[in-house]
mmCIF file of all heavy atoms, coordinates in Angstrom:
data_MODEL
# 
_entry.id   MODEL 
# 
loop_
_atom_site.group_PDB 
_atom_site.id 
_atom_site.type_symbol 
_atom_site.label_atom_id 
_atom_site.label_alt_id 
_atom_site.label_comp_id 
_atom_site.label_asym_id 
_atom_site.label_entity_id 
_atom_site.label_seq_id 
_atom_site.pdbx_PDB_ins_code 
_atom_site.Cartn_x 
_atom_site.Cartn_y 
_atom_site.Cartn_z 
_atom_site.occupancy 
_atom_site.B_iso_or_equiv 
_atom_site.pdbx_formal_charge 
_atom_site.auth_seq_id 
_atom_site.auth_comp_id 
_atom_site.auth_asym_id 
_atom_site.auth_atom_id 
_atom_site.pdbx_PDB_model_num 
ATOM 1   N N   . GLY A 1 1  ? 82.561  -44.150 -33.089 1.00 0.00 ? 1  GLY A N   1 
ATOM 2   C CA  . GLY A 1 1  ? 81.545  -43.115 -32.990 1.00 0.00 ? 1  GLY A CA  1 
ATOM 3   C C   . GLY A 1 1  ? 80.946  -42.926 -31.616 1.00 0.00 ? 1  GLY A C   1 
ATOM 4   O O   . GLY A 1 1  ? 79.984  -42.186 -31.458 1.00 0.00 ? 1  GLY A O   1 
ATOM 5   N N   . ARG A 1 2  ? 81.511  -43.577 -30.629 1.00 0.00 ? 2  ARG A N   1 
ATOM 6   C CA  . ARG A 1 2  ? 81.040  -43.376 -29.262 1.00 0.00 ? 2  ARG A CA  1 
ATOM 7   C C   . ARG A 1 2  ? 82.150  -43.698 -28.279 1.00 0.00 ? 2  ARG A C   1 
ATOM 8   O O   . ARG A 1 2  ? 83.159  -44.291 -28.631 1.00 0.00 ? 2  ARG A O   1 
ATOM 9   C CB  . ARG A 1 2  ? 79.797  -44.201 -28.960 1.00 0.00 ? 2  ARG A CB  1 
ATOM 10  C CG  . ARG A 1 2  ? 80.031  -45.690 -28.948 1.00 0.00 ? 2  ARG A CG  1 
ATOM 11  C CD  . ARG A 1 2  ? 78.834  -46.464 -28.489 1.00 0.00 ? 2  ARG A CD  1 
ATOM 12  N NE  . ARG A 1 2  ? 78.791  -46.471 -27.038 1.00 0.00 ? 2  ARG A NE  1 
ATOM 13  C CZ  . ARG A 1 2  ? 78.142  -47.381 -26.333 1.00 0.00 ? 2  ARG A CZ  1 
ATOM 14  N NH1 . ARG A 1 2  ? 77.455  -48.323 -26.930 1.00 0.00 ? 2  ARG A NH1 1 
ATOM 15  N NH2 . ARG A 1 2  ? 78.155  -47.342 -25.033 1.00 0.00 ? 2  ARG A NH2 1 
ATOM 16  N N   . SER A 1 3  ? 81.934  -43.316 -27.043 1.00 0.00 ? 3  SER A N   1 
ATOM 17  C CA  . SER A 1 3  ? 82.911  -43.485 -25.977 1.00 0.00 ? 3  SER A CA  1 
ATOM 18  C C   . SER A 1 3  ? 82.530  -44.633 -25.054 1.00 0.00 ? 3  SER A C   1 
ATOM 19  O O   . SER A 1 3  ? 81.354  -45.000 -24.960 1.00 0.00 ? 3  SER A O   1 
ATOM 20  C CB  . SER A 1 3  ? 82.966  -42.173 -25.167 1.00 0.00 ? 3  SER A CB  1 
ATOM 21  O OG  . SER A 1 3  ? 83.780  -42.305 -24.029 1.00 0.00 ? 3  SER A OG  1 
ATOM 22  N N   . GLN A 1 4  ? 83.503  -45.166 -24.363 1.00 0.00 ? 4  GLN A N   1 
ATOM 23  C CA  . GLN A 1 4  ? 83.217  -46.099 -23.273 1.00 0.00 ? 4  GLN A CA  1 
ATOM 24  C C   . GLN A 1 4  ? 82.465  -45.391 -22.152 1.00 0.00 ? 4  GLN A C   1 
ATOM 25  O O   . GLN A 1 4  ? 81.722  -46.003 -21.409 1.00 0.00 ? 4  GLN A O   1 
ATOM 26  C CB  . GLN A 1 4  ? 84.507  -46.667 -22.689 1.00 0.00 ? 4  GLN A CB  1 
ATOM 27  C CG  . GLN A 1 4  ? 85.270  -47.571 -23.607 1.00 0.00 ? 4  GLN A CG  1 
ATOM 28  C CD  . GLN A 1 4  ? 86.479  -48.127 -22.901 1.00 0.00 ? 4  GLN A CD  1 
ATOM 29  O OE1 . GLN A 1 4  ? 86.359  -48.907 -21.956 1.00 0.00 ? 4  GLN A OE1 1 
ATOM 30  N NE2 . GLN A 1 4  ? 87.649  -47.723 -23.344 1.00 0.00 ? 4  GLN A NE2 1 
ATOM 31  N N   . ASN A 1 5  ? 82.695  -44.093 -22.037 1.00 0.00 ? 5  ASN A N   1 
ATOM 32  C CA  . ASN A 1 5  ? 82.070  -43.272 -20.999 1.00 0.00 ? 5  ASN A CA  1 
ATOM 33  C C   . ASN A 1 5  ? 80.691  -42.834 -21.485 1.00 0.00 ? 5  ASN A C   1 
ATOM 34  O O   . ASN A 1 5  ? 80.574  -42.062 -22.432 1.00 0.00 ? 5  ASN A O   1 
ATOM 35  C CB  . ASN A 1 5  ? 82.959  -42.066 -20.712 1.00 0.00 ? 5  ASN A CB  1 
ATOM 36  C CG  . ASN A 1 5  ? 82.461  -41.214 -19.576 1.00 0.00 ? 5  ASN A CG  1 
ATOM 37  O OD1 . ASN A 1 5  ? 81.264  -41.182 -19.282 1.00 0.00 ? 5  ASN A OD1 1 
ATOM 38  N ND2 . ASN A 1 5  ? 83.363  -40.508 -18.939 1.00 0.00 ? 5  ASN A ND2 1 
ATOM 39  N N   . SER A 1 6  ? 79.650  -43.300 -20.847 1.00 0.00 ? 6  SER A N   1 
ATOM 40  C CA  . SER A 1 6  ? 78.285  -43.028 -21.301 1.00 0.00 ? 6  SER A CA  1 
ATOM 41  C C   . SER A 1 6  ? 77.874  -41.564 -21.172 1.00 0.00 ? 6  SER A C   1 
ATOM 42  O O   . SER A 1 6  ? 76.847  -41.165 -21.714 1.00 0.00 ? 6  SER A O   1 
ATOM 43  C CB  . SER A 1 6  ? 77.289  -43.921 -20.553 1.00 0.00 ? 6  SER A CB  1 
ATOM 44  O OG  . SER A 1 6  ? 77.342  -43.625 -19.159 1.00 0.00 ? 6  SER A OG  1 
ATOM 45  N N   . THR A 1 7  ? 78.667  -40.746 -20.488 1.00 0.00 ? 7  THR A N   1 
ATOM 46  C CA  . THR A 1 7  ? 78.327  -39.322 -20.385 1.00 0.00 ? 7  THR A CA  1 
ATOM 47  C C   . THR A 1 7  ? 78.784  -38.524 -21.609 1.00 0.00 ? 7  THR A C   1 
ATOM 48  O O   . THR A 1 7  ? 78.369  -37.384 -21.774 1.00 0.00 ? 7  THR A O   1 
ATOM 49  C CB  . THR A 1 7  ? 78.942  -38.682 -19.113 1.00 0.00 ? 7  THR A CB  1 
ATOM 50  O OG1 . THR A 1 7  ? 80.371  -38.707 -19.222 1.00 0.00 ? 7  THR A OG1 1 
ATOM 51  C CG2 . THR A 1 7  ? 78.497  -39.418 -17.863 1.00 0.00 ? 7  THR A CG2 1 
ATOM 52  N N   . HIS A 1 8  ? 79.624  -39.116 -22.450 1.00 0.00 ? 8  HIS A N   1 
ATOM 53  C CA  . HIS A 1 8  ? 80.092  -38.433 -23.659 1.00 0.00 ? 8  HIS A CA  1 
ATOM 54  C C   . HIS A 1 8  ? 79.068  -38.580 -24.780 1.00 0.00 ? 8  HIS A C   1 
ATOM 55  O O   . HIS A 1 8  ? 78.483  -39.646 -24.943 1.00 0.00 ? 8  HIS A O   1 
ATOM 56  C CB  . HIS A 1 8  ? 81.439  -38.998 -24.122 1.00 0.00 ? 8  HIS A CB  1 
ATOM 57  C CG  . HIS A 1 8  ? 82.546  -38.751 -23.158 1.00 0.00 ? 8  HIS A CG  1 
ATOM 58  N ND1 . HIS A 1 8  ? 83.667  -39.533 -23.122 1.00 0.00 ? 8  HIS A ND1 1 
ATOM 59  C CD2 . HIS A 1 8  ? 82.720  -37.821 -22.195 1.00 0.00 ? 8  HIS A CD2 1 
ATOM 60  C CE1 . HIS A 1 8  ? 84.487  -39.093 -22.180 1.00 0.00 ? 8  HIS A CE1 1 
ATOM 61  N NE2 . HIS A 1 8  ? 83.924  -38.053 -21.601 1.00 0.00 ? 8  HIS A NE2 1 
ATOM 62  N N   . PRO A 1 9  ? 78.896  -37.538 -25.588 1.00 0.00 ? 9  PRO A N   1 
ATOM 63  C CA  . PRO A 1 9  ? 77.937  -37.636 -26.693 1.00 0.00 ? 9  PRO A CA  1 
ATOM 64  C C   . PRO A 1 9  ? 78.443  -38.554 -27.801 1.00 0.00 ? 9  PRO A C   1 
ATOM 65  O O   . PRO A 1 9  ? 79.637  -38.780 -27.939 1.00 0.00 ? 9  PRO A O   1 
ATOM 66  C CB  . PRO A 1 9  ? 77.822  -36.189 -27.196 1.00 0.00 ? 9  PRO A CB  1 
ATOM 67  C CG  . PRO A 1 9  ? 79.099  -35.535 -26.782 1.00 0.00 ? 9  PRO A CG  1 
ATOM 68  C CD  . PRO A 1 9  ? 79.531  -36.218 -25.519 1.00 0.00 ? 9  PRO A CD  1 
ATOM 69  N N   . TYR A 1 10 ? 77.499  -39.070 -28.587 1.00 0.00 ? 10 TYR A N   1 
ATOM 70  C CA  . TYR A 1 10 ? 77.827  -39.887 -29.752 1.00 0.00 ? 10 TYR A CA  1 
ATOM 71  C C   . TYR A 1 10 ? 78.290  -38.983 -30.889 1.00 0.00 ? 10 TYR A C   1 
ATOM 72  O O   . TYR A 1 10 ? 77.940  -37.807 -30.950 1.00 0.00 ? 10 TYR A O   1 
ATOM 73  C CB  . TYR A 1 10 ? 76.600  -40.670 -30.226 1.00 0.00 ? 10 TYR A CB  1 
ATOM 74  C CG  . TYR A 1 10 ? 76.264  -41.884 -29.398 1.00 0.00 ? 10 TYR A CG  1 
ATOM 75  C CD1 . TYR A 1 10 ? 76.256  -41.849 -28.017 1.00 0.00 ? 10 TYR A CD1 1 
ATOM 76  C CD2 . TYR A 1 10 ? 75.921  -43.063 -30.012 1.00 0.00 ? 10 TYR A CD2 1 
ATOM 77  C CE1 . TYR A 1 10 ? 75.928  -42.965 -27.275 1.00 0.00 ? 10 TYR A CE1 1 
ATOM 78  C CE2 . TYR A 1 10 ? 75.583  -44.188 -29.276 1.00 0.00 ? 10 TYR A CE2 1 
ATOM 79  C CZ  . TYR A 1 10 ? 75.595  -44.132 -27.904 1.00 0.00 ? 10 TYR A CZ  1 
ATOM 80  O OH  . TYR A 1 10 ? 75.274  -45.234 -27.177 1.00 0.00 ? 10 TYR A OH  1 
ATOM 81  N N   . LEU A 1 11 ? 79.050  -39.551 -31.806 1.00 0.00 ? 11 LEU A N   1 
ATOM 82  C CA  . LEU A 1 11 ? 79.478  -38.848 -33.005 1.00 0.00 ? 11 LEU A CA  1 
ATOM 83  C C   . LEU A 1 11 ? 78.274  -38.616 -33.913 1.00 0.00 ? 11 LEU A C   1 
ATOM 84  O O   . LEU A 1 11 ? 77.518  -39.541 -34.189 1.00 0.00 ? 11 LEU A O   1 
ATOM 85  C CB  . LEU A 1 11 ? 80.526  -39.680 -33.757 1.00 0.00 ? 11 LEU A CB  1 
ATOM 86  C CG  . LEU A 1 11 ? 80.947  -39.167 -35.129 1.00 0.00 ? 11 LEU A CG  1 
ATOM 87  C CD1 . LEU A 1 11 ? 81.790  -37.904 -34.983 1.00 0.00 ? 11 LEU A CD1 1 
ATOM 88  C CD2 . LEU A 1 11 ? 81.722  -40.240 -35.879 1.00 0.00 ? 11 LEU A CD2 1 
ATOM 89  N N   . HIS A 1 12 ? 78.086  -37.386 -34.348 1.00 0.00 ? 12 HIS A N   1 
ATOM 90  C CA  . HIS A 1 12 ? 77.115  -37.084 -35.406 1.00 0.00 ? 12 HIS A CA  1 
ATOM 91  C C   . HIS A 1 12 ? 77.925  -37.002 -36.680 1.00 0.00 ? 12 HIS A C   1 
ATOM 92  O O   . HIS A 1 12 ? 78.579  -35.994 -36.940 1.00 0.00 ? 12 HIS A O   1 
ATOM 93  C CB  . HIS A 1 12 ? 76.387  -35.769 -35.123 1.00 0.00 ? 12 HIS A CB  1 
ATOM 94  C CG  . HIS A 1 12 ? 75.433  -35.867 -33.986 1.00 0.00 ? 12 HIS A CG  1 
ATOM 95  N ND1 . HIS A 1 12 ? 74.547  -34.895 -33.683 1.00 0.00 ? 12 HIS A ND1 1 
ATOM 96  C CD2 . HIS A 1 12 ? 75.216  -36.844 -33.071 1.00 0.00 ? 12 HIS A CD2 1 
ATOM 97  C CE1 . HIS A 1 12 ? 73.826  -35.246 -32.644 1.00 0.00 ? 12 HIS A CE1 1 
ATOM 98  N NE2 . HIS A 1 12 ? 74.231  -36.426 -32.248 1.00 0.00 ? 12 HIS A NE2 1 
ATOM 99  N N   . GLY A 1 13 ? 77.900  -38.079 -37.427 1.00 0.00 ? 13 GLY A N   1 
ATOM 100 C CA  . GLY A 1 13 ? 78.701  -38.198 -38.634 1.00 0.00 ? 13 GLY A CA  1 
ATOM 101 C C   . GLY A 1 13 ? 78.830  -39.660 -38.997 1.00 0.00 ? 13 GLY A C   1 
ATOM 102 O O   . GLY A 1 13 ? 77.912  -40.445 -38.767 1.00 0.00 ? 13 GLY A O   1 
ATOM 103 N N   . ALA A 1 14 ? 79.985  -40.038 -39.521 1.00 0.00 ? 14 ALA A N   1 
ATOM 104 C CA  . ALA A 1 14 ? 80.187  -41.422 -39.951 1.00 0.00 ? 14 ALA A CA  1 
ATOM 105 C C   . ALA A 1 14 ? 81.666  -41.780 -39.897 1.00 0.00 ? 14 ALA A C   1 
ATOM 106 O O   . ALA A 1 14 ? 82.531  -40.904 -39.977 1.00 0.00 ? 14 ALA A O   1 
ATOM 107 C CB  . ALA A 1 14 ? 79.660  -41.602 -41.376 1.00 0.00 ? 14 ALA A CB  1 
ATOM 108 N N   . VAL A 1 15 ? 81.927  -43.076 -39.762 1.00 0.00 ? 15 VAL A N   1 
ATOM 109 C CA  . VAL A 1 15 ? 83.288  -43.615 -39.766 1.00 0.00 ? 15 VAL A CA  1 
ATOM 110 C C   . VAL A 1 15 ? 83.323  -44.751 -40.782 1.00 0.00 ? 15 VAL A C   1 
ATOM 111 O O   . VAL A 1 15 ? 82.406  -45.568 -40.837 1.00 0.00 ? 15 VAL A O   1 
ATOM 112 C CB  . VAL A 1 15 ? 83.688  -44.159 -38.376 1.00 0.00 ? 15 VAL A CB  1 
ATOM 113 C CG1 . VAL A 1 15 ? 85.089  -44.767 -38.414 1.00 0.00 ? 15 VAL A CG1 1 
ATOM 114 C CG2 . VAL A 1 15 ? 83.600  -43.074 -37.318 1.00 0.00 ? 15 VAL A CG2 1 
ATOM 115 N N   . ARG A 1 16 ? 84.369  -44.789 -41.590 1.00 0.00 ? 16 ARG A N   1 
ATOM 116 C CA  . ARG A 1 16 ? 84.559  -45.896 -42.538 1.00 0.00 ? 16 ARG A CA  1 
ATOM 117 C C   . ARG A 1 16 ? 86.051  -46.202 -42.639 1.00 0.00 ? 16 ARG A C   1 
ATOM 118 O O   . ARG A 1 16 ? 86.888  -45.426 -42.186 1.00 0.00 ? 16 ARG A O   1 
ATOM 119 C CB  . ARG A 1 16 ? 83.960  -45.580 -43.902 1.00 0.00 ? 16 ARG A CB  1 
ATOM 120 C CG  . ARG A 1 16 ? 84.697  -44.512 -44.661 1.00 0.00 ? 16 ARG A CG  1 
ATOM 121 C CD  . ARG A 1 16 ? 84.076  -44.263 -46.027 1.00 0.00 ? 16 ARG A CD  1 
ATOM 122 N NE  . ARG A 1 16 ? 84.963  -43.401 -46.789 1.00 0.00 ? 16 ARG A NE  1 
ATOM 123 C CZ  . ARG A 1 16 ? 84.572  -42.637 -47.771 1.00 0.00 ? 16 ARG A CZ  1 
ATOM 124 N NH1 . ARG A 1 16 ? 83.322  -42.610 -48.142 1.00 0.00 ? 16 ARG A NH1 1 
ATOM 125 N NH2 . ARG A 1 16 ? 85.442  -41.889 -48.414 1.00 0.00 ? 16 ARG A NH2 1 
ATOM 126 N N   . ASP A 1 17 ? 86.365  -47.314 -43.235 1.00 0.00 ? 17 ASP A N   1 
ATOM 127 C CA  . ASP A 1 17 ? 87.759  -47.731 -43.470 1.00 0.00 ? 17 ASP A CA  1 
ATOM 128 C C   . ASP A 1 17 ? 88.592  -47.744 -42.193 1.00 0.00 ? 17 ASP A C   1 
ATOM 129 O O   . ASP A 1 17 ? 89.762  -47.368 -42.211 1.00 0.00 ? 17 ASP A O   1 
ATOM 130 C CB  . ASP A 1 17 ? 88.433  -46.834 -44.515 1.00 0.00 ? 17 ASP A CB  1 
ATOM 131 C CG  . ASP A 1 17 ? 87.754  -46.863 -45.867 1.00 0.00 ? 17 ASP A CG  1 
ATOM 132 O OD1 . ASP A 1 17 ? 87.150  -47.894 -46.195 1.00 0.00 ? 17 ASP A OD1 1 
ATOM 133 O OD2 . ASP A 1 17 ? 87.808  -45.844 -46.575 1.00 0.00 ? 17 ASP A OD2 1 
ATOM 134 N N   . PHE A 1 18 ? 88.018  -48.204 -41.096 1.00 0.00 ? 18 PHE A N   1 
ATOM 135 C CA  . PHE A 1 18 ? 88.744  -48.291 -39.833 1.00 0.00 ? 18 PHE A CA  1 
ATOM 136 C C   . PHE A 1 18 ? 89.766  -49.416 -39.937 1.00 0.00 ? 18 PHE A C   1 
ATOM 137 O O   . PHE A 1 18 ? 89.426  -50.531 -40.342 1.00 0.00 ? 18 PHE A O   1 
ATOM 138 C CB  . PHE A 1 18 ? 87.779  -48.564 -38.678 1.00 0.00 ? 18 PHE A CB  1 
ATOM 139 C CG  . PHE A 1 18 ? 88.455  -48.674 -37.350 1.00 0.00 ? 18 PHE A CG  1 
ATOM 140 C CD1 . PHE A 1 18 ? 88.805  -47.533 -36.656 1.00 0.00 ? 18 PHE A CD1 1 
ATOM 141 C CD2 . PHE A 1 18 ? 88.749  -49.906 -36.810 1.00 0.00 ? 18 PHE A CD2 1 
ATOM 142 C CE1 . PHE A 1 18 ? 89.449  -47.633 -35.420 1.00 0.00 ? 18 PHE A CE1 1 
ATOM 143 C CE2 . PHE A 1 18 ? 89.378  -50.020 -35.581 1.00 0.00 ? 18 PHE A CE2 1 
ATOM 144 C CZ  . PHE A 1 18 ? 89.731  -48.874 -34.892 1.00 0.00 ? 18 PHE A CZ  1 
ATOM 145 N N   . ARG A 1 19 ? 91.008  -49.123 -39.588 1.00 0.00 ? 19 ARG A N   1 
ATOM 146 C CA  . ARG A 1 19 ? 92.088  -50.123 -39.688 1.00 0.00 ? 19 ARG A CA  1 
ATOM 147 C C   . ARG A 1 19 ? 93.001  -50.067 -38.467 1.00 0.00 ? 19 ARG A C   1 
ATOM 148 O O   . ARG A 1 19 ? 93.324  -48.996 -37.984 1.00 0.00 ? 19 ARG A O   1 
ATOM 149 C CB  . ARG A 1 19 ? 92.951  -49.865 -40.928 1.00 0.00 ? 19 ARG A CB  1 
ATOM 150 C CG  . ARG A 1 19 ? 92.192  -49.940 -42.218 1.00 0.00 ? 19 ARG A CG  1 
ATOM 151 C CD  . ARG A 1 19 ? 93.087  -49.619 -43.389 1.00 0.00 ? 19 ARG A CD  1 
ATOM 152 N NE  . ARG A 1 19 ? 92.309  -49.486 -44.607 1.00 0.00 ? 19 ARG A NE  1 
ATOM 153 C CZ  . ARG A 1 19 ? 92.830  -49.434 -45.806 1.00 0.00 ? 19 ARG A CZ  1 
ATOM 154 N NH1 . ARG A 1 19 ? 94.139  -49.517 -45.966 1.00 0.00 ? 19 ARG A NH1 1 
ATOM 155 N NH2 . ARG A 1 19 ? 92.053  -49.308 -46.864 1.00 0.00 ? 19 ARG A NH2 1 
ATOM 156 N N   . LEU A 1 20 ? 93.434  -51.239 -38.042 1.00 0.00 ? 20 LEU A N   1 
ATOM 157 C CA  . LEU A 1 20 ? 94.464  -51.378 -37.013 1.00 0.00 ? 20 LEU A CA  1 
ATOM 158 C C   . LEU A 1 20 ? 95.669  -52.041 -37.664 1.00 0.00 ? 20 LEU A C   1 
ATOM 159 O O   . LEU A 1 20 ? 95.520  -53.057 -38.339 1.00 0.00 ? 20 LEU A O   1 
ATOM 160 C CB  . LEU A 1 20 ? 93.979  -52.266 -35.866 1.00 0.00 ? 20 LEU A CB  1 
ATOM 161 C CG  . LEU A 1 20 ? 92.892  -51.713 -34.971 1.00 0.00 ? 20 LEU A CG  1 
ATOM 162 C CD1 . LEU A 1 20 ? 92.398  -52.797 -34.028 1.00 0.00 ? 20 LEU A CD1 1 
ATOM 163 C CD2 . LEU A 1 20 ? 93.411  -50.537 -34.179 1.00 0.00 ? 20 LEU A CD2 1 
ATOM 164 N N   . HIS A 1 21 ? 96.831  -51.481 -37.468 1.00 0.00 ? 21 HIS A N   1 
ATOM 165 C CA  . HIS A 1 21 ? 98.075  -52.039 -37.995 1.00 0.00 ? 21 HIS A CA  1 
ATOM 166 C C   . HIS A 1 21 ? 98.939  -52.437 -36.805 1.00 0.00 ? 21 HIS A C   1 
ATOM 167 O O   . HIS A 1 21 ? 99.005  -51.703 -35.819 1.00 0.00 ? 21 HIS A O   1 
ATOM 168 C CB  . HIS A 1 21 ? 98.831  -51.010 -38.841 1.00 0.00 ? 21 HIS A CB  1 
ATOM 169 C CG  . HIS A 1 21 ? 98.024  -50.471 -39.983 1.00 0.00 ? 21 HIS A CG  1 
ATOM 170 N ND1 . HIS A 1 21 ? 98.127  -50.959 -41.265 1.00 0.00 ? 21 HIS A ND1 1 
ATOM 171 C CD2 . HIS A 1 21 ? 97.104  -49.488 -40.037 1.00 0.00 ? 21 HIS A CD2 1 
ATOM 172 C CE1 . HIS A 1 21 ? 97.308  -50.293 -42.062 1.00 0.00 ? 21 HIS A CE1 1 
ATOM 173 N NE2 . HIS A 1 21 ? 96.669  -49.399 -41.337 1.00 0.00 ? 21 HIS A NE2 1 
ATOM 174 N N   . ASN A 1 22 ? 99.640  -53.539 -36.915 1.00 0.00 ? 22 ASN A N   1 
ATOM 175 C CA  . ASN A 1 22 ? 100.462 -54.012 -35.803 1.00 0.00 ? 22 ASN A CA  1 
ATOM 176 C C   . ASN A 1 22 ? 101.836 -53.351 -35.755 1.00 0.00 ? 22 ASN A C   1 
ATOM 177 O O   . ASN A 1 22 ? 102.734 -53.829 -35.081 1.00 0.00 ? 22 ASN A O   1 
ATOM 178 C CB  . ASN A 1 22 ? 100.598 -55.532 -35.838 1.00 0.00 ? 22 ASN A CB  1 
ATOM 179 C CG  . ASN A 1 22 ? 101.352 -56.011 -37.063 1.00 0.00 ? 22 ASN A CG  1 
ATOM 180 O OD1 . ASN A 1 22 ? 101.680 -55.234 -37.961 1.00 0.00 ? 22 ASN A OD1 1 
ATOM 181 N ND2 . ASN A 1 22 ? 101.621 -57.309 -37.112 1.00 0.00 ? 22 ASN A ND2 1 
ATOM 182 N N   . ARG A 1 23 ? 101.977 -52.237 -36.456 1.00 0.00 ? 23 ARG A N   1 
ATOM 183 C CA  . ARG A 1 23 ? 103.239 -51.471 -36.420 1.00 0.00 ? 23 ARG A CA  1 
ATOM 184 C C   . ARG A 1 23 ? 102.923 -50.012 -36.722 1.00 0.00 ? 23 ARG A C   1 
ATOM 185 O O   . ARG A 1 23 ? 101.857 -49.692 -37.237 1.00 0.00 ? 23 ARG A O   1 
ATOM 186 C CB  . ARG A 1 23 ? 104.230 -52.007 -37.445 1.00 0.00 ? 23 ARG A CB  1 
ATOM 187 C CG  . ARG A 1 23 ? 103.724 -51.891 -38.864 1.00 0.00 ? 23 ARG A CG  1 
ATOM 188 C CD  . ARG A 1 23 ? 104.664 -52.562 -39.866 1.00 0.00 ? 23 ARG A CD  1 
ATOM 189 N NE  . ARG A 1 23 ? 104.112 -52.510 -41.193 1.00 0.00 ? 23 ARG A NE  1 
ATOM 190 C CZ  . ARG A 1 23 ? 104.198 -51.452 -42.000 1.00 0.00 ? 23 ARG A CZ  1 
ATOM 191 N NH1 . ARG A 1 23 ? 104.818 -50.369 -41.599 1.00 0.00 ? 23 ARG A NH1 1 
ATOM 192 N NH2 . ARG A 1 23 ? 103.675 -51.496 -43.214 1.00 0.00 ? 23 ARG A NH2 1 
ATOM 193 N N   . ALA A 1 24 ? 103.858 -49.161 -36.391 1.00 0.00 ? 24 ALA A N   1 
ATOM 194 C CA  . ALA A 1 24 ? 103.700 -47.741 -36.701 1.00 0.00 ? 24 ALA A CA  1 
ATOM 195 C C   . ALA A 1 24 ? 104.055 -47.521 -38.166 1.00 0.00 ? 24 ALA A C   1 
ATOM 196 O O   . ALA A 1 24 ? 105.173 -47.822 -38.588 1.00 0.00 ? 24 ALA A O   1 
ATOM 197 C CB  . ALA A 1 24 ? 104.590 -46.892 -35.805 1.00 0.00 ? 24 ALA A CB  1 
# 
């Protein structure tokens, strides 16, 4: 919901079920 770059705005909304998979 946000960027490493502090000049970018934050997400107005929500994030859930974030997943990283070690393969495509």
